[in-house]
Amino acid sequence: MAEAALKIEDREPATIRRFEIADLSTHGPWLLKRFQTLFPDVTEKYIAGFLRGIIYSNEFSFLYQDNAVALAQIIASPGIKPIKIVQEHFVWIADRNDKDQAENAADFYVHFKQWGKQQGAERMFVMENSDVPKPLVEQRLGRLFDVKISHARI
């Protein structure tokens, strides 16, 4: 683990920017294809409208790099004493076989952690829809805890 920490410090952190409407023209083509593989019954027009609707929402952190995008949201846990949670929706890279893109995209998790602290979040749900390998996420966040969730269709 010490070697991994050194590797992070030796490289320049990826430049991360907040996603803007104009960035849809740059990242839109490959981003929309990824959405359509997950949601084949949803139209591109609907997906683009959804993304436009969240871009300026403080509830979401929608970020990009040259070859990667990431989306997280602040949610409240259910229950008597709800807590704020950062929920990762996705961290995607343009070329899923490119290790450098994955390494850079792992830096989104550092940003999400800082953003969550500013929002008063206590936990972060990650790795549900990520192109970044788990060891790289653990390098950025520390130990990840696995939780088993059971669900039923209604």
C-alpha atoms as a PDB file:
ATOM      1  CA  MET A   1       0.000   0.000   0.000  1.00  0.00           C
ATOM      2  CA  ALA A   2       2.928   2.341   0.653  1.00  0.00           C
ATOM      3  CA  GLU A   3       4.081   1.885  -2.955  1.00  0.00           C
ATOM      4  CA  ALA A   4       0.601   2.780  -4.195  1.00  0.00           C
ATOM      5  CA  ALA A   5       0.577   5.936  -2.068  1.00  0.00           C
ATOM      6  CA  LEU A   6       3.935   6.955  -3.513  1.00  0.00           C
ATOM      7  CA  LYS A   7       2.659   6.411  -7.028  1.00  0.00           C
ATOM      8  CA  ILE A   8      -0.233   8.817  -6.444  1.00  0.00           C
ATOM      9  CA  GLU A   9       2.067  11.478  -5.030  1.00  0.00           C
ATOM     10  CA  ASP A  10       4.552  11.127  -7.920  1.00  0.00           C
ATOM     11  CA  ARG A  11       2.027  11.826 -10.638  1.00  0.00           C
ATOM     12  CA  GLU A  12       0.279  15.082 -11.391  1.00  0.00           C
ATOM     13  CA  PRO A  13      -3.394  14.939 -10.290  1.00  0.00           C
ATOM     14  CA  ALA A  14      -5.881  14.957 -13.134  1.00  0.00           C
ATOM     15  CA  THR A  15      -7.522  18.261 -14.017  1.00  0.00           C
ATOM     16  CA  ILE A  16     -11.155  18.024 -12.986  1.00  0.00           C
ATOM     17  CA  ARG A  17     -13.790  20.543 -14.012  1.00  0.00           C
ATOM     18  CA  ARG A  18     -17.484  20.943 -13.354  1.00  0.00           C
ATOM     19  CA  PHE A  19     -19.546  19.799 -16.330  1.00  0.00           C
ATOM     20  CA  GLU A  20     -21.235  22.626 -18.269  1.00  0.00           C
ATOM     21  CA  ILE A  21     -23.874  22.563 -21.003  1.00  0.00           C
ATOM     22  CA  ALA A  22     -21.202  23.215 -23.662  1.00  0.00           C
ATOM     23  CA  ASP A  23     -19.375  20.052 -22.570  1.00  0.00           C
ATOM     24  CA  LEU A  24     -22.262  17.950 -23.885  1.00  0.00           C
ATOM     25  CA  SER A  25     -20.989  18.624 -27.397  1.00  0.00           C
ATOM     26  CA  THR A  26     -17.526  17.293 -26.465  1.00  0.00           C
ATOM     27  CA  HIS A  27     -18.458  14.339 -24.254  1.00  0.00           C
ATOM     28  CA  GLY A  28     -22.035  13.843 -25.400  1.00  0.00           C
ATOM     29  CA  PRO A  29     -21.496  11.304 -28.190  1.00  0.00           C
ATOM     30  CA  TRP A  30     -19.677   8.662 -26.120  1.00  0.00           C
ATOM     31  CA  LEU A  31     -21.582   9.546 -22.945  1.00  0.00           C
ATOM     32  CA  LEU A  32     -24.964   9.056 -24.606  1.00  0.00           C
ATOM     33  CA  LYS A  33     -23.823   5.689 -25.989  1.00  0.00           C
ATOM     34  CA  ARG A  34     -22.940   4.555 -22.465  1.00  0.00           C
ATOM     35  CA  PHE A  35     -26.344   5.665 -21.171  1.00  0.00           C
ATOM     36  CA  GLN A  36     -28.093   3.830 -23.975  1.00  0.00           C
ATOM     37  CA  THR A  37     -26.345   0.563 -23.126  1.00  0.00           C
ATOM     38  CA  LEU A  38     -27.680   0.866 -19.556  1.00  0.00           C
ATOM     39  CA  PHE A  39     -31.097   2.232 -20.480  1.00  0.00           C
ATOM     40  CA  PRO A  40     -31.917   1.028 -24.012  1.00  0.00           C
ATOM     41  CA  ASP A  41     -35.570   2.069 -23.700  1.00  0.00           C
ATOM     42  CA  VAL A  42     -34.723   5.714 -22.895  1.00  0.00           C
ATOM     43  CA  THR A  43     -34.258   8.161 -25.759  1.00  0.00           C
ATOM     44  CA  GLU A  44     -31.147  10.287 -26.295  1.00  0.00           C
ATOM     45  CA  LYS A  45     -33.336  13.382 -26.076  1.00  0.00           C
ATOM     46  CA  TYR A  46     -34.542  12.367 -22.596  1.00  0.00           C
ATOM     47  CA  ILE A  47     -30.990  11.593 -21.399  1.00  0.00           C
ATOM     48  CA  ALA A  48     -29.690  14.927 -22.711  1.00  0.00           C
ATOM     49  CA  GLY A  49     -32.583  16.721 -20.983  1.00  0.00           C
ATOM     50  CA  PHE A  50     -31.862  14.906 -17.727  1.00  0.00           C
ATOM     51  CA  LEU A  51     -28.184  15.885 -17.884  1.00  0.00           C
ATOM     52  CA  ARG A  52     -29.038  19.513 -18.687  1.00  0.00           C
ATOM     53  CA  GLY A  53     -31.363  19.532 -15.687  1.00  0.00           C
ATOM     54  CA  ILE A  54     -28.732  18.416 -13.180  1.00  0.00           C
ATOM     55  CA  ILE A  55     -25.731  20.362 -14.450  1.00  0.00           C
ATOM     56  CA  TYR A  56     -26.375  23.401 -12.256  1.00  0.00           C
ATOM     57  CA  SER A  57     -28.010  21.607  -9.318  1.00  0.00           C
ATOM     58  CA  ASN A  58     -26.109  21.830  -6.026  1.00  0.00           C
ATOM     59  CA  GLU A  59     -27.476  18.383  -5.173  1.00  0.00           C
ATOM     60  CA  PHE A  60     -25.273  16.871  -7.888  1.00  0.00           C
ATOM     61  CA  SER A  61     -21.571  16.927  -8.617  1.00  0.00           C
ATOM     62  CA  PHE A  62     -21.215  16.385 -12.371  1.00  0.00           C
ATOM     63  CA  LEU A  63     -17.555  16.476 -13.379  1.00  0.00           C
ATOM     64  CA  TYR A  64     -15.352  15.816 -16.366  1.00  0.00           C
ATOM     65  CA  GLN A  65     -11.777  15.334 -17.485  1.00  0.00           C
ATOM     66  CA  ASP A  66     -10.506  15.096 -21.041  1.00  0.00           C
ATOM     67  CA  ASN A  67     -11.527  11.426 -21.326  1.00  0.00           C
ATOM     68  CA  ALA A  68     -13.783  10.786 -18.346  1.00  0.00           C
ATOM     69  CA  VAL A  69     -17.001  11.898 -16.676  1.00  0.00           C
ATOM     70  CA  ALA A  70     -18.415  11.335 -13.211  1.00  0.00           C
ATOM     71  CA  LEU A  71     -21.698  11.996 -11.470  1.00  0.00           C
ATOM     72  CA  ALA A  72     -22.531  11.887  -7.768  1.00  0.00           C
ATOM     73  CA  GLN A  73     -25.482  13.099  -5.745  1.00  0.00           C
ATOM     74  CA  ILE A  74     -26.113  14.006  -2.117  1.00  0.00           C
ATOM     75  CA  ILE A  75     -28.935  11.838  -0.759  1.00  0.00           C
ATOM     76  CA  ALA A  76     -30.443  11.371   2.692  1.00  0.00           C
ATOM     77  CA  SER A  77     -30.578   7.924   4.245  1.00  0.00           C
ATOM     78  CA  PRO A  78     -34.009   6.673   5.243  1.00  0.00           C
ATOM     79  CA  GLY A  79     -34.901   6.358   8.888  1.00  0.00           C
ATOM     80  CA  ILE A  80     -35.543   8.251  12.066  1.00  0.00           C
ATOM     81  CA  LYS A  81     -32.174  10.004  11.999  1.00  0.00           C
ATOM     82  CA  PRO A  82     -31.254  10.500   8.349  1.00  0.00           C
ATOM     83  CA  ILE A  83     -27.655  11.191   7.393  1.00  0.00           C
ATOM     84  CA  LYS A  84     -26.304  12.713   4.201  1.00  0.00           C
ATOM     85  CA  ILE A  85     -24.610  10.305   1.808  1.00  0.00           C
ATOM     86  CA  VAL A  86     -22.662  10.882  -1.396  1.00  0.00           C
ATOM     87  CA  GLN A  87     -24.113   8.442  -3.934  1.00  0.00           C
ATOM     88  CA  GLU A  88     -21.920   7.825  -6.969  1.00  0.00           C
ATOM     89  CA  HIS A  89     -24.056   7.342 -10.061  1.00  0.00           C
ATOM     90  CA  PHE A  90     -21.167   6.676 -12.423  1.00  0.00           C
ATOM     91  CA  VAL A  91     -17.493   7.216 -13.131  1.00  0.00           C
ATOM     92  CA  TRP A  92     -16.884   6.446 -16.797  1.00  0.00           C
ATOM     93  CA  ILE A  93     -13.883   6.696 -19.057  1.00  0.00           C
ATOM     94  CA  ALA A  94     -14.001   7.023 -22.837  1.00  0.00           C
ATOM     95  CA  ASP A  95     -11.824   3.935 -23.423  1.00  0.00           C
ATOM     96  CA  ARG A  96     -12.420   1.259 -20.782  1.00  0.00           C
ATOM     97  CA  ASN A  97      -9.146  -0.458 -21.723  1.00  0.00           C
ATOM     98  CA  ASP A  98      -6.974   2.605 -21.122  1.00  0.00           C
ATOM     99  CA  LYS A  99      -5.229   2.283 -17.744  1.00  0.00           C
ATOM    100  CA  ASP A 100      -4.080   5.924 -17.753  1.00  0.00           C
ATOM    101  CA  GLN A 101      -7.664   7.111 -18.183  1.00  0.00           C
ATOM    102  CA  ALA A 102      -8.732   4.878 -15.274  1.00  0.00           C
ATOM    103  CA  GLU A 103      -5.877   6.181 -13.120  1.00  0.00           C
ATOM    104  CA  ASN A 104      -6.910   9.771 -13.823  1.00  0.00           C
ATOM    105  CA  ALA A 105     -10.601   9.040 -13.328  1.00  0.00           C
ATOM    106  CA  ALA A 106      -9.831   7.676  -9.855  1.00  0.00           C
ATOM    107  CA  ASP A 107      -9.138  11.282  -8.863  1.00  0.00           C
ATOM    108  CA  PHE A 108     -12.889  11.960  -9.136  1.00  0.00           C
ATOM    109  CA  TYR A 109     -13.262  10.063  -5.861  1.00  0.00           C
ATOM    110  CA  VAL A 110     -10.994  12.514  -4.046  1.00  0.00           C
ATOM    111  CA  HIS A 111     -13.163  15.345  -5.338  1.00  0.00           C
ATOM    112  CA  PHE A 112     -16.385  13.555  -4.329  1.00  0.00           C
ATOM    113  CA  LYS A 113     -15.005  13.013  -0.828  1.00  0.00           C
ATOM    114  CA  GLN A 114     -14.094  16.701  -0.428  1.00  0.00           C
ATOM    115  CA  TRP A 115     -17.449  17.793  -1.853  1.00  0.00           C
ATOM    116  CA  GLY A 116     -19.280  15.414   0.485  1.00  0.00           C
ATOM    117  CA  LYS A 117     -17.452  16.793   3.529  1.00  0.00           C
ATOM    118  CA  GLN A 118     -18.449  20.323   2.506  1.00  0.00           C
ATOM    119  CA  GLN A 119     -22.070  19.134   2.238  1.00  0.00           C
ATOM    120  CA  GLY A 120     -21.968  17.469   5.670  1.00  0.00           C
ATOM    121  CA  ALA A 121     -22.111  13.914   4.312  1.00  0.00           C
ATOM    122  CA  GLU A 122     -20.981  11.046   6.543  1.00  0.00           C
ATOM    123  CA  ARG A 123     -20.679   8.235   3.996  1.00  0.00           C
ATOM    124  CA  MET A 124     -20.105   7.643   0.311  1.00  0.00           C
ATOM    125  CA  PHE A 125     -21.528   4.830  -1.804  1.00  0.00           C
ATOM    126  CA  VAL A 126     -19.102   3.940  -4.602  1.00  0.00           C
ATOM    127  CA  MET A 127     -18.283   1.271  -7.195  1.00  0.00           C
ATOM    128  CA  GLU A 128     -21.830   0.678  -8.378  1.00  0.00           C
ATOM    129  CA  ASN A 129     -21.191   1.865 -11.920  1.00  0.00           C
ATOM    130  CA  SER A 130     -17.507   2.653 -12.287  1.00  0.00           C
ATOM    131  CA  ASP A 131     -14.840   1.982 -14.893  1.00  0.00           C
ATOM    132  CA  VAL A 132     -12.176   2.537 -12.227  1.00  0.00           C
ATOM    133  CA  PRO A 133     -10.786  -0.662 -10.656  1.00  0.00           C
ATOM    134  CA  LYS A 134     -11.466  -1.043  -6.939  1.00  0.00           C
ATOM    135  CA  PRO A 135      -7.765  -0.912  -5.927  1.00  0.00           C
ATOM    136  CA  LEU A 136      -7.456   2.561  -7.497  1.00  0.00           C
ATOM    137  CA  VAL A 137     -10.553   3.765  -5.641  1.00  0.00           C
ATOM    138  CA  GLU A 138      -9.130   2.385  -2.389  1.00  0.00           C
ATOM    139  CA  GLN A 139      -5.885   4.271  -3.038  1.00  0.00           C
ATOM    140  CA  ARG A 140      -7.885   7.504  -3.118  1.00  0.00           C
ATOM    141  CA  LEU A 141     -10.412   6.821  -0.349  1.00  0.00           C
ATOM    142  CA  GLY A 142      -8.878   4.212   1.919  1.00  0.00           C
ATOM    143  CA  ARG A 143     -10.572   0.963   2.847  1.00  0.00           C
ATOM    144  CA  LEU A 144     -13.914   0.294   1.193  1.00  0.00           C
ATOM    145  CA  PHE A 145     -16.608  -1.587   3.102  1.00  0.00           C
ATOM    146  CA  ASP A 146     -18.897  -3.961   1.206  1.00  0.00           C
ATOM    147  CA  VAL A 147     -22.575  -3.961   2.106  1.00  0.00           C
ATOM    148  CA  LYS A 148     -25.032  -6.522   0.847  1.00  0.00           C
ATOM    149  CA  ILE A 149     -28.385  -5.059  -0.153  1.00  0.00           C
ATOM    150  CA  SER A 150     -31.357  -7.262  -0.966  1.00  0.00           C
ATOM    151  CA  HIS A 151     -34.238  -5.965  -3.053  1.00  0.00           C
ATOM    152  CA  ALA A 152     -37.424  -7.185  -4.672  1.00  0.00           C
ATOM    153  CA  ARG A 153     -39.167  -6.012  -7.800  1.00  0.00           C
ATOM    154  CA  ILE A 154     -42.567  -4.418  -7.413  1.00  0.00           C
END
